[in-house]
Amino acid sequence: MSYSPKLSSGFTFSKNRSTFISPQSGMCSFCTQDCTGTCEIAQAAVLGAQTVYPTTTGTNQIASEKDYPIDFSHFNINGRVFGALGAKETQEEANIFNVNLERTYGTFNPVKIAMPVILPALIKLNWQDYFAGAAMAGVTCVIGEHGRNNDPNLRVENGKVTDYPLLEKALDCFRKYDRGYGQIVLQSNVDDDLMGVPKIAIEKYGVTAIEIKFGQAAKGTQPVIRVKNIEAALKRQRLGDVVIPDPCDPVVQKAYEDRVCPNFYTYSRLPLWNERSLITHITALRDLGAKNIYFKMAGYDRKDIERVLRIACEAKVDMVTFDGAGGGSGYSPSKMMNEWSLPTVCLEDAVVRICDQLRAEKFCPPAIIMTGGFASEDQVFKGLAYGDGHVLGIGLCRASMAAAMTGKTIGDQIKNKNVPERFKPYGSTIEEIFCDLPDLRALYGTVANEFSTGAIGVFSYLNKIAFGLKHFAALNRKFNLDLLDKTDLIPLTSEARALMANEWFLPIEK
């Protein structure tokens, strides 16, 4: 059998014409010259290098379509019937409403979150409600890299950003609803650093936390984007992007005039940190006023994972988010999203074992977040339990953005007197249909009735995750999430048992 998708994908709206597929290649087993061109090969024959990347970005999200041979579905959740840990053993206190979901992290500046969840980096689609909903739910959220490229009012002088209005708007989305939980973080990649984004973010806009990005499971290398003409290429170059070929080169300009110039591409620089340069960079950020430092790391080679964690320990980084294969939201290569990186549960296994080793060596690992394909409360619980006390929370990115988008769309339909059929039994107004509005009013007062329904959607979705977590924790008679561990999981398959027994990562013979 093959775990990889066929040469058809929601990434590109491509499809195989035949129902008979060659498992190894993903091609139709019977390929004919009469085909009008529906599969990925046909698209590549016309669109070329562009088809390495999804052609359906913009108002959409993208995720892996690969059926990985192991994931959290290979585990069931355990249950217990005696005792109560983390609460008094009385029927009045040992109930789901007394499960403590709050967590605190941070080396120099403690940050409290209302539940063990963060919203990882995004700055696309309905980011306004994504950040607002995070504040309402009391969780940390992250503004994505390259946000400056989305700002039509960005100002750059002498190669440095001097005005970044979009950043202020993103920060305000969270700050407006900040209730003392969570933090809004700015992710910064190499290009952002070179353009002086962290400096202006901290000094001009009051950013208190920076996330340094190594990679994500959807995007192990940085994106390449085709630029239509030399004018656009010159503009991107002025804004700090690498453009290949160089549109300022007279030879390239002459080739463009003669209509023999190859495509222009912008390319985001790869991070090339080492221990010394990274710690120097972190020190500089703290000297500027950053109170918290985060890392974003993907499922790279396990030696790289350990190296990043050791640097995080030495630099006293507050949090590292590990992103496993199966997730994805951004502008990422299609095959990369399917075919690279450790699946999330395997990545978590590696991270947890490295953290065990670091603690044995008397190091203090940072707060660990796992993300990559999580969407429901059972998955979140399993991710926390598998963390064996090392994993502080789970990142819910695509799912939270889906809540932001659908919450807004459904709210607009209700306002326009076009209530979707499935919600008509609940009423005809936003106040009647959005069932968790009373919980928001309890936090903010009746002004919550006027909140954006996209943000209400994020809050409600996360409220559902929290409520479900409480049920699973109480099922295991654990009323504080610090008590969760692998004994709360039941491996269902040989792959799951091998992973838990540290037999999955077999040494490779050379």
Protein backbone atom coordinates (compact mmCIF):
# COMPACT_ATOMS: atom_id res chain seq x y z
CA MET A 1 0.00 0.00 0.00
CA SER A 2 0.99 3.64 -0.40
CA TYR A 3 0.55 6.29 2.28
CA SER A 4 1.11 9.13 -0.19
CA PRO A 5 -1.75 10.85 -2.03
CA LYS A 6 -2.41 10.25 -5.71
CA LEU A 7 -1.36 12.88 -8.25
CA SER A 8 -4.56 14.73 -7.43
CA SER A 9 -4.92 17.26 -4.69
CA GLY A 10 -7.00 19.94 -3.08
CA PHE A 11 -3.77 21.95 -3.21
CA THR A 12 -4.20 22.41 -6.95
CA PHE A 13 -7.74 21.22 -7.71
CA SER A 14 -6.07 18.49 -9.79
CA LYS A 15 -7.48 14.99 -10.11
CA ASN A 16 -6.76 11.64 -11.67
CA ARG A 17 -9.08 10.86 -14.55
CA SER A 18 -9.00 7.09 -14.04
CA THR A 19 -10.19 5.14 -11.03
CA PHE A 20 -7.29 2.74 -11.65
CA ILE A 21 -4.17 4.18 -10.00
CA SER A 22 -0.59 2.99 -9.92
CA PRO A 23 0.12 2.96 -6.15
CA GLN A 24 3.82 3.75 -6.39
CA SER A 25 3.69 6.75 -8.75
CA GLY A 26 0.19 8.03 -8.02
CA MET A 27 -0.46 8.23 -11.78
CA CYS A 28 -3.41 6.72 -13.56
CA SER A 29 -2.33 3.20 -14.49
CA PHE A 30 -3.74 3.83 -17.98
CA CYS A 31 -2.44 7.20 -19.26
CA THR A 32 -3.62 8.31 -22.68
CA GLN A 33 -2.63 11.07 -25.07
CA ASP A 34 -6.30 11.99 -25.40
CA CYS A 35 -6.43 13.25 -21.78
CA THR A 36 -7.24 16.95 -21.55
CA GLY A 37 -4.92 17.34 -18.58
CA THR A 38 -6.44 17.12 -15.12
CA CYS A 39 -3.67 15.61 -12.93
CA GLU A 40 -0.63 17.26 -11.36
CA ILE A 41 1.64 16.14 -14.20
CA ALA A 42 -0.58 17.88 -16.75
CA GLN A 43 -0.59 21.05 -14.66
CA ALA A 44 3.20 20.91 -14.36
CA ALA A 45 3.46 20.50 -18.13
CA VAL A 46 1.76 23.87 -18.50
CA LEU A 47 2.57 25.82 -15.32
CA GLY A 48 6.04 24.41 -14.66
CA ALA A 49 7.94 25.30 -11.49
CA GLN A 50 4.94 27.14 -10.04
CA THR A 51 3.27 23.81 -9.31
CA VAL A 52 5.84 22.96 -6.62
CA TYR A 53 3.66 25.29 -4.54
CA PRO A 54 -0.11 25.20 -4.02
CA THR A 55 -2.01 27.17 -6.64
CA THR A 56 -5.00 27.58 -4.33
CA THR A 57 -3.60 29.90 -1.67
CA GLY A 58 -5.16 33.27 -0.90
CA THR A 59 -8.49 32.81 0.84
CA ASN A 60 -7.75 29.16 1.63
CA GLN A 61 -5.73 27.12 4.10
CA ILE A 62 -3.55 24.21 3.10
CA ALA A 63 -2.76 20.99 5.01
CA SER A 64 -1.09 17.67 4.34
CA GLU A 65 -3.15 15.00 2.58
CA LYS A 66 -0.80 12.13 3.42
CA ASP A 67 -2.18 9.23 5.47
CA TYR A 68 0.72 8.80 7.89
CA PRO A 69 1.32 5.28 9.18
CA ILE A 70 1.07 6.53 12.78
CA ASP A 71 -0.79 9.38 14.44
CA PHE A 72 -2.70 10.06 17.65
CA SER A 73 -5.63 7.93 16.44
CA HIS A 74 -3.40 4.94 17.25
CA PHE A 75 -4.04 5.68 20.92
CA ASN A 76 -7.22 5.61 22.99
CA ILE A 77 -7.66 7.55 26.20
CA ASN A 78 -7.47 5.63 29.46
CA GLY A 79 -10.04 5.97 32.24
CA ARG A 80 -10.10 5.42 35.99
CA VAL A 81 -12.85 4.95 38.55
CA PHE A 82 -11.11 5.35 41.94
CA GLY A 83 -9.67 8.39 43.70
CA ALA A 84 -9.12 12.02 42.81
CA LEU A 85 -5.72 13.61 42.11
CA GLY A 86 -5.49 17.39 42.25
CA ALA A 87 -8.82 17.83 44.03
CA LYS A 88 -10.44 16.80 47.27
CA GLU A 89 -11.93 13.35 47.05
CA THR A 90 -15.49 14.53 47.48
CA GLN A 91 -18.34 14.49 45.00
CA GLU A 92 -18.75 18.24 45.44
CA GLU A 93 -15.17 19.04 44.34
CA ALA A 94 -14.15 16.09 42.16
CA ASN A 95 -16.11 17.12 39.07
CA ILE A 96 -15.30 18.41 35.60
CA PHE A 97 -15.86 22.04 36.55
CA ASN A 98 -12.97 21.85 39.02
CA VAL A 99 -10.38 20.60 36.53
CA ASN A 100 -7.61 23.22 36.47
CA LEU A 101 -6.63 24.03 32.87
CA GLU A 102 -4.45 27.06 33.64
CA ARG A 103 -0.74 26.89 32.89
CA THR A 104 2.11 29.34 33.47
CA TYR A 105 5.40 29.61 31.57
CA GLY A 106 8.23 32.11 31.23
CA THR A 107 11.75 32.43 32.61
CA PHE A 108 11.95 36.13 33.50
CA ASN A 109 8.42 37.27 32.68
CA PRO A 110 5.77 34.68 33.67
CA VAL A 111 2.81 34.36 31.30
CA LYS A 112 -0.40 32.69 32.42
CA ILE A 113 -2.74 31.02 29.93
CA ALA A 114 -6.30 30.01 30.74
CA MET A 115 -6.01 26.65 29.00
CA PRO A 116 -3.13 24.53 27.57
CA VAL A 117 -3.40 25.93 24.06
CA ILE A 118 -1.70 28.54 21.90
CA LEU A 119 -2.66 29.85 18.46
CA PRO A 120 0.49 29.53 16.30
CA ALA A 121 1.75 32.06 13.79
CA LEU A 122 -0.55 33.44 11.08
CA ILE A 123 -1.03 36.76 9.35
CA LYS A 124 -3.47 35.84 6.60
CA LEU A 125 -7.18 35.24 6.14
CA ASN A 126 -9.27 36.42 9.12
CA TRP A 127 -6.32 37.24 11.35
CA GLN A 128 -8.25 40.01 13.09
CA ASP A 129 -10.68 37.58 14.71
CA TYR A 130 -7.96 34.96 15.19
CA PHE A 131 -6.02 37.29 17.50
CA ALA A 132 -9.12 38.78 19.15
CA GLY A 133 -10.54 35.33 19.87
CA ALA A 134 -7.22 34.26 21.41
CA ALA A 135 -7.40 37.15 23.87
CA MET A 136 -11.02 36.31 24.72
CA ALA A 137 -10.09 32.68 25.35
CA GLY A 138 -7.05 33.72 27.38
CA VAL A 139 -4.34 32.07 25.29
CA THR A 140 -1.12 33.15 23.61
CA CYS A 141 -1.13 33.83 19.86
CA VAL A 142 1.56 34.59 17.31
CA ILE A 143 1.69 37.08 14.42
CA GLY A 144 3.27 35.31 11.44
CA GLU A 145 6.53 36.05 9.67
CA HIS A 146 6.68 38.31 6.62
CA GLY A 147 3.61 40.26 7.76
CA ARG A 148 5.31 43.37 6.41
CA ASN A 149 4.76 42.04 2.88
CA ASN A 150 1.00 42.27 3.51
CA ASP A 151 1.12 45.92 4.58
CA PRO A 152 0.31 48.35 1.74
CA ASN A 153 1.34 51.26 3.99
CA LEU A 154 4.72 49.84 5.01
CA ARG A 155 7.54 52.40 4.89
CA VAL A 156 11.17 51.44 4.31
CA GLU A 157 14.13 53.80 4.50
CA ASN A 158 17.74 52.76 3.88
CA GLY A 159 16.76 49.11 3.96
CA LYS A 160 15.00 49.30 7.34
CA VAL A 161 11.29 49.35 8.17
CA THR A 162 10.32 52.72 9.65
CA ASP A 163 6.53 52.42 9.71
CA TYR A 164 4.50 49.21 9.99
CA PRO A 165 0.80 50.09 10.51
CA LEU A 166 -0.41 46.51 9.96
CA LEU A 167 1.57 45.36 12.99
CA GLU A 168 -0.15 47.93 15.18
CA LYS A 169 -3.55 46.75 13.96
CA ALA A 170 -2.69 43.11 14.68
CA LEU A 171 -1.48 43.94 18.18
CA ASP A 172 -4.59 45.99 18.88
CA CYS A 173 -6.82 43.03 17.92
CA PHE A 174 -5.44 41.17 20.94
CA ARG A 175 -4.87 44.11 23.28
CA LYS A 176 -8.45 45.33 22.98
CA TYR A 177 -9.71 42.13 24.63
CA ASP A 178 -6.68 41.26 26.81
CA ARG A 179 -7.95 40.01 30.17
CA GLY A 180 -4.61 39.19 31.76
CA TYR A 181 -4.08 35.81 30.15
CA GLY A 182 -1.84 34.96 27.22
CA GLN A 183 0.42 37.16 25.15
CA ILE A 184 0.59 38.31 21.54
CA VAL A 185 3.96 37.40 20.04
CA LEU A 186 5.65 38.59 16.84
CA GLN A 187 7.32 35.91 14.75
CA SER A 188 10.41 37.13 12.95
CA ASN A 189 12.37 35.38 10.21
CA VAL A 190 15.78 36.24 8.77
CA ASP A 191 14.39 38.78 6.30
CA ASP A 192 12.40 40.48 9.05
CA ASP A 193 15.54 40.68 11.18
CA LEU A 194 17.58 42.23 8.37
CA MET A 195 14.83 44.78 7.79
CA GLY A 196 14.87 45.80 11.45
CA VAL A 197 11.35 44.56 12.18
CA PRO A 198 12.01 43.33 15.76
CA LYS A 199 13.62 46.64 16.71
CA ILE A 200 10.77 48.83 15.46
CA ALA A 201 8.21 46.36 16.79
CA ILE A 202 9.62 46.59 20.31
CA GLU A 203 10.56 50.27 20.38
CA LYS A 204 7.68 51.82 18.40
CA TYR A 205 4.78 49.39 18.82
CA GLY A 206 5.45 47.95 22.26
CA VAL A 207 5.88 44.30 21.27
CA THR A 208 6.99 42.35 24.33
CA ALA A 209 7.69 38.92 22.82
CA ILE A 210 9.55 37.71 19.72
CA GLU A 211 9.41 34.23 18.16
CA ILE A 212 12.53 33.20 16.22
CA LYS A 213 11.61 30.89 13.37
CA PHE A 214 13.68 27.89 12.31
CA GLY A 215 10.91 26.33 10.24
CA GLN A 216 7.50 24.70 10.30
CA ALA A 217 6.31 21.27 9.25
CA ALA A 218 4.49 22.72 6.27
CA LYS A 219 7.54 24.66 5.19
CA GLY A 220 10.98 23.27 5.94
CA THR A 221 12.63 25.69 3.53
CA GLN A 222 11.41 29.20 2.96
CA PRO A 223 8.93 30.02 0.19
CA VAL A 224 9.70 30.89 -3.41
CA ILE A 225 7.16 33.11 -5.15
CA ARG A 226 7.03 33.88 -8.88
CA VAL A 227 6.97 37.58 -9.70
CA LYS A 228 5.15 38.55 -12.89
CA ASN A 229 7.38 41.34 -14.25
CA ILE A 230 10.53 43.35 -13.63
CA GLU A 231 8.65 46.24 -12.03
CA ALA A 232 7.22 43.93 -9.36
CA ALA A 233 10.65 42.31 -8.95
CA LEU A 234 12.28 45.69 -8.31
CA LYS A 235 9.59 46.56 -5.77
CA ARG A 236 10.13 43.31 -3.88
CA GLN A 237 13.87 43.89 -3.91
CA ARG A 238 13.43 47.39 -2.46
CA LEU A 239 11.38 45.83 0.34
CA GLY A 240 14.28 43.58 1.28
CA ASP A 241 13.47 40.32 -0.52
CA VAL A 242 16.02 38.26 -2.41
CA VAL A 243 15.00 38.37 -6.10
CA ILE A 244 16.49 35.92 -8.60
CA PRO A 245 17.66 36.88 -11.17
CA ASP A 246 18.72 40.31 -9.94
CA PRO A 247 16.39 42.86 -11.58
CA CYS A 248 19.02 45.60 -11.05
CA ASP A 249 21.58 43.74 -13.15
CA PRO A 250 21.93 45.51 -16.56
CA VAL A 251 22.35 42.14 -18.28
CA VAL A 252 19.05 40.96 -16.79
CA GLN A 253 17.33 44.23 -17.70
CA LYS A 254 18.54 43.90 -21.30
CA ALA A 255 17.32 40.29 -21.42
CA TYR A 256 13.93 41.43 -20.12
CA GLU A 257 13.71 44.09 -22.85
CA ASP A 258 14.62 41.46 -25.43
CA ARG A 259 11.95 39.11 -24.01
CA VAL A 260 14.52 36.39 -23.20
CA CYS A 261 14.63 36.87 -19.44
CA PRO A 262 13.76 33.88 -17.22
CA ASN A 263 11.08 34.10 -14.53
CA PHE A 264 11.71 36.33 -11.53
CA TYR A 265 11.34 34.69 -8.12
CA THR A 266 11.47 36.10 -4.63
CA TYR A 267 13.11 33.82 -2.10
CA SER A 268 13.09 34.09 1.68
CA ARG A 269 16.50 33.60 3.22
CA LEU A 270 17.22 30.41 5.14
CA PRO A 271 18.11 30.75 8.82
CA LEU A 272 21.81 30.01 9.35
CA TRP A 273 22.09 30.34 13.10
CA ASN A 274 24.70 28.80 15.34
CA GLU A 275 24.93 28.85 19.13
CA ARG A 276 27.01 32.02 19.32
CA SER A 277 25.06 34.08 16.78
CA LEU A 278 21.69 32.99 18.13
CA ILE A 279 22.48 33.76 21.75
CA THR A 280 23.93 37.13 20.70
CA HIS A 281 20.70 37.85 18.81
CA ILE A 282 18.56 36.89 21.80
CA THR A 283 20.64 39.11 24.09
CA ALA A 284 20.16 42.01 21.69
CA LEU A 285 16.40 41.47 21.63
CA ARG A 286 16.26 41.49 25.41
CA ASP A 287 18.39 44.63 25.52
CA LEU A 288 15.82 46.27 23.21
CA GLY A 289 13.07 45.39 25.70
CA ALA A 290 11.76 41.95 24.72
CA LYS A 291 10.39 40.26 27.84
CA ASN A 292 9.85 36.80 26.32
CA ILE A 293 11.67 34.85 23.60
CA TYR A 294 10.07 31.98 21.68
CA PHE A 295 11.40 29.49 19.11
CA LYS A 296 9.43 27.89 16.27
CA MET A 297 10.90 24.53 15.22
CA ALA A 298 9.77 21.77 12.90
CA GLY A 299 10.45 18.03 12.72
CA TYR A 300 13.99 18.26 11.43
CA ASP A 301 16.71 15.70 12.13
CA ARG A 302 16.71 14.66 15.79
CA LYS A 303 20.24 15.99 16.26
CA ASP A 304 18.97 19.42 15.20
CA ILE A 305 16.02 19.11 17.59
CA GLU A 306 18.38 18.39 20.47
CA ARG A 307 20.70 21.23 19.45
CA VAL A 308 17.83 23.72 19.39
CA LEU A 309 16.64 22.57 22.81
CA ARG A 310 20.13 22.89 24.27
CA ILE A 311 20.42 26.42 22.89
CA ALA A 312 17.00 27.20 24.34
CA CYS A 313 18.16 26.00 27.74
CA GLU A 314 21.36 28.03 27.59
CA ALA A 315 19.59 31.19 26.39
CA LYS A 316 16.69 30.71 28.82
CA VAL A 317 14.14 30.78 26.02
CA ASP A 318 10.56 30.83 27.32
CA MET A 319 8.84 28.51 24.85
CA VAL A 320 9.62 26.28 21.86
CA THR A 321 6.81 25.26 19.50
CA PHE A 322 7.47 22.03 17.60
CA ASP A 323 5.44 21.64 14.40
CA GLY A 324 4.96 18.10 13.06
CA ALA A 325 3.99 16.74 9.68
CA GLY A 326 0.27 16.68 9.09
CA GLY A 327 -0.37 20.32 9.91
CA GLY A 328 -0.05 23.32 7.68
CA SER A 329 -1.73 26.58 6.84
CA GLY A 330 0.68 28.78 4.95
CA TYR A 331 2.11 29.18 1.49
CA SER A 332 4.02 25.92 1.36
CA PRO A 333 5.26 23.40 -1.22
CA SER A 334 2.69 20.70 -1.83
CA LYS A 335 5.01 17.70 -1.74
CA MET A 336 6.88 19.20 1.18
CA MET A 337 3.65 19.29 3.15
CA ASN A 338 3.03 15.63 2.38
CA GLU A 339 6.47 14.09 2.27
CA TRP A 340 8.85 15.77 4.71
CA SER A 341 9.23 16.04 8.48
CA LEU A 342 8.43 13.78 11.41
CA PRO A 343 4.73 13.06 11.97
CA THR A 344 3.59 15.00 15.01
CA VAL A 345 3.37 12.10 17.45
CA CYS A 346 6.84 10.87 16.43
CA LEU A 347 8.26 14.38 16.75
CA GLU A 348 6.73 14.64 20.22
CA ASP A 349 8.26 11.32 21.20
CA ALA A 350 11.70 12.58 20.16
CA VAL A 351 11.24 15.90 21.97
CA VAL A 352 10.06 14.26 25.19
CA ARG A 353 12.98 11.83 25.27
CA ILE A 354 15.45 14.69 24.68
CA CYS A 355 13.81 16.68 27.48
CA ASP A 356 14.17 13.66 29.78
CA GLN A 357 17.88 13.59 28.96
CA LEU A 358 18.28 17.34 29.51
CA ARG A 359 16.60 17.15 32.91
CA ALA A 360 18.89 14.24 33.84
CA GLU A 361 21.79 16.56 33.00
CA LYS A 362 20.27 19.20 35.34
CA PHE A 363 19.16 21.51 32.50
CA CYS A 364 15.79 23.24 32.64
CA PRO A 365 14.00 22.87 29.27
CA PRO A 366 11.64 25.66 28.15
CA ALA A 367 7.89 25.30 27.89
CA ILE A 368 7.13 22.92 25.02
CA ILE A 369 4.21 23.31 22.62
CA MET A 370 3.31 20.61 20.11
CA THR A 371 1.40 21.50 16.97
CA GLY A 372 0.68 19.92 13.60
CA GLY A 373 -2.75 18.58 12.74
CA PHE A 374 -4.51 18.98 16.09
CA ALA A 375 -8.18 19.97 15.87
CA SER A 376 -10.26 18.25 18.57
CA GLU A 377 -10.20 17.85 22.35
CA ASP A 378 -9.27 14.16 22.24
CA GLN A 379 -6.21 14.95 20.14
CA VAL A 380 -5.24 17.78 22.48
CA PHE A 381 -5.57 15.51 25.50
CA LYS A 382 -3.49 12.79 23.84
CA GLY A 383 -0.80 15.32 22.92
CA LEU A 384 -0.63 16.59 26.49
CA ALA A 385 -0.60 13.08 27.98
CA TYR A 386 2.10 11.85 25.60
CA GLY A 387 4.18 14.82 26.71
CA ASP A 388 4.78 13.13 30.08
CA GLY A 389 4.93 16.45 31.93
CA HIS A 390 7.21 18.15 29.38
CA VAL A 391 4.51 19.46 27.02
CA LEU A 392 2.79 22.55 28.39
CA GLY A 393 0.27 22.98 25.60
CA ILE A 394 -0.94 22.26 22.09
CA GLY A 395 -1.01 24.62 19.10
CA LEU A 396 -4.34 24.90 17.30
CA CYS A 397 -3.71 26.88 14.13
CA ARG A 398 -5.78 25.81 11.12
CA ALA A 399 -8.72 24.76 13.27
CA SER A 400 -8.83 28.10 15.11
CA MET A 401 -8.64 29.99 11.83
CA ALA A 402 -11.44 27.81 10.48
CA ALA A 403 -13.51 28.88 13.51
CA ALA A 404 -12.64 32.53 12.84
CA MET A 405 -13.69 32.28 9.20
CA THR A 406 -16.88 30.26 9.65
CA GLY A 407 -17.92 32.22 12.72
CA LYS A 408 -17.74 35.42 10.70
CA THR A 409 -19.51 33.94 7.67
CA ILE A 410 -22.35 32.46 9.71
CA GLY A 411 -22.69 35.69 11.69
CA ASP A 412 -22.99 37.68 8.48
CA GLN A 413 -25.66 35.28 7.22
CA ILE A 414 -27.66 35.68 10.43
CA LYS A 415 -27.40 39.48 10.24
CA ASN A 416 -28.70 39.31 6.68
CA LYS A 417 -31.73 37.24 7.81
CA ASN A 418 -30.36 34.19 6.03
CA VAL A 419 -29.96 31.78 8.93
CA PRO A 420 -28.35 28.49 7.81
CA GLU A 421 -30.79 25.61 8.03
CA ARG A 422 -28.79 23.61 10.55
CA PHE A 423 -28.85 26.49 13.05
CA LYS A 424 -32.52 27.49 12.73
CA PRO A 425 -33.58 25.23 15.63
CA TYR A 426 -31.48 27.42 17.95
CA GLY A 427 -33.12 30.72 16.99
CA SER A 428 -32.84 33.55 14.51
CA THR A 429 -30.42 36.02 16.13
CA ILE A 430 -26.72 36.00 16.94
CA GLU A 431 -27.48 36.09 20.66
CA GLU A 432 -29.71 33.02 20.36
CA ILE A 433 -27.56 31.00 17.99
CA PHE A 434 -24.03 31.60 19.35
CA CYS A 435 -24.50 29.50 22.47
CA ASP A 436 -21.36 30.52 24.39
CA LEU A 437 -22.13 34.24 24.36
CA PRO A 438 -23.23 34.04 28.03
CA ASP A 439 -19.70 32.93 28.93
CA LEU A 440 -18.29 35.95 27.08
CA ARG A 441 -20.75 38.30 28.76
CA ALA A 442 -19.64 36.92 32.11
CA LEU A 443 -16.10 38.05 31.23
CA TYR A 444 -16.74 41.34 29.40
CA GLY A 445 -20.31 42.37 30.20
CA THR A 446 -23.13 42.95 27.73
CA VAL A 447 -20.73 44.64 25.30
CA ALA A 448 -19.83 41.07 24.27
CA ASN A 449 -23.09 41.01 22.28
CA GLU A 450 -21.39 43.42 19.85
CA PHE A 451 -18.21 41.40 19.38
CA SER A 452 -17.30 40.15 15.91
CA THR A 453 -18.86 36.75 15.35
CA GLY A 454 -15.51 35.55 13.96
CA ALA A 455 -13.86 36.24 17.31
CA ILE A 456 -16.83 34.73 19.12
CA GLY A 457 -16.34 31.68 16.91
CA VAL A 458 -12.69 31.32 17.99
CA PHE A 459 -13.66 31.74 21.65
CA SER A 460 -16.50 29.22 21.33
CA TYR A 461 -14.33 26.67 19.53
CA LEU A 462 -11.62 26.93 22.19
CA ASN A 463 -14.30 26.81 24.89
CA LYS A 464 -15.41 23.48 23.43
CA ILE A 465 -11.82 22.21 23.47
CA ALA A 466 -11.47 23.27 27.12
CA PHE A 467 -14.75 21.64 28.14
CA GLY A 468 -13.81 18.39 26.41
CA LEU A 469 -10.36 18.39 28.07
CA LYS A 470 -12.02 18.68 31.46
CA HIS A 471 -14.12 15.62 30.72
CA PHE A 472 -11.12 13.49 29.72
CA ALA A 473 -9.07 14.68 32.69
CA ALA A 474 -11.90 13.92 35.13
CA LEU A 475 -12.34 10.55 33.43
CA ASN A 476 -8.79 9.78 34.54
CA ARG A 477 -9.44 11.30 37.99
CA LYS A 478 -6.81 13.97 37.34
CA PHE A 479 -8.03 17.47 38.17
CA ASN A 480 -4.84 19.31 37.30
CA LEU A 481 -3.29 18.89 33.86
CA ASP A 482 0.20 18.84 35.34
CA LEU A 483 -0.63 15.27 36.36
CA LEU A 484 -1.19 13.92 32.84
CA ASP A 485 1.29 11.34 31.53
CA LYS A 486 1.55 8.37 29.16
CA THR A 487 -0.37 6.12 31.56
CA ASP A 488 -3.45 8.06 30.44
CA LEU A 489 -3.08 6.57 26.95
CA ILE A 490 -3.77 3.10 25.55
CA PRO A 491 -1.67 2.12 22.49
CA LEU A 492 -3.90 0.34 19.98
CA THR A 493 -1.42 -0.73 17.31
CA SER A 494 2.03 -2.27 17.06
CA GLU A 495 3.34 1.08 15.77
CA ALA A 496 1.97 2.87 18.83
CA ARG A 497 3.43 0.29 21.20
CA ALA A 498 6.80 0.49 19.45
CA LEU A 499 6.83 4.27 19.72
CA MET A 500 6.04 4.21 23.44
CA ALA A 501 8.68 1.52 24.00
CA ASN A 502 11.35 3.58 22.20
CA GLU A 503 11.61 0.96 19.45
CA TRP A 504 10.22 3.03 16.59
CA PHE A 505 13.36 5.04 15.75
CA LEU A 506 15.52 2.10 14.79
CA PRO A 507 19.19 2.86 14.04
CA ILE A 508 19.99 3.08 10.33
CA GLU A 509 22.70 0.73 9.16
CA LYS A 510 25.45 2.48 7.15
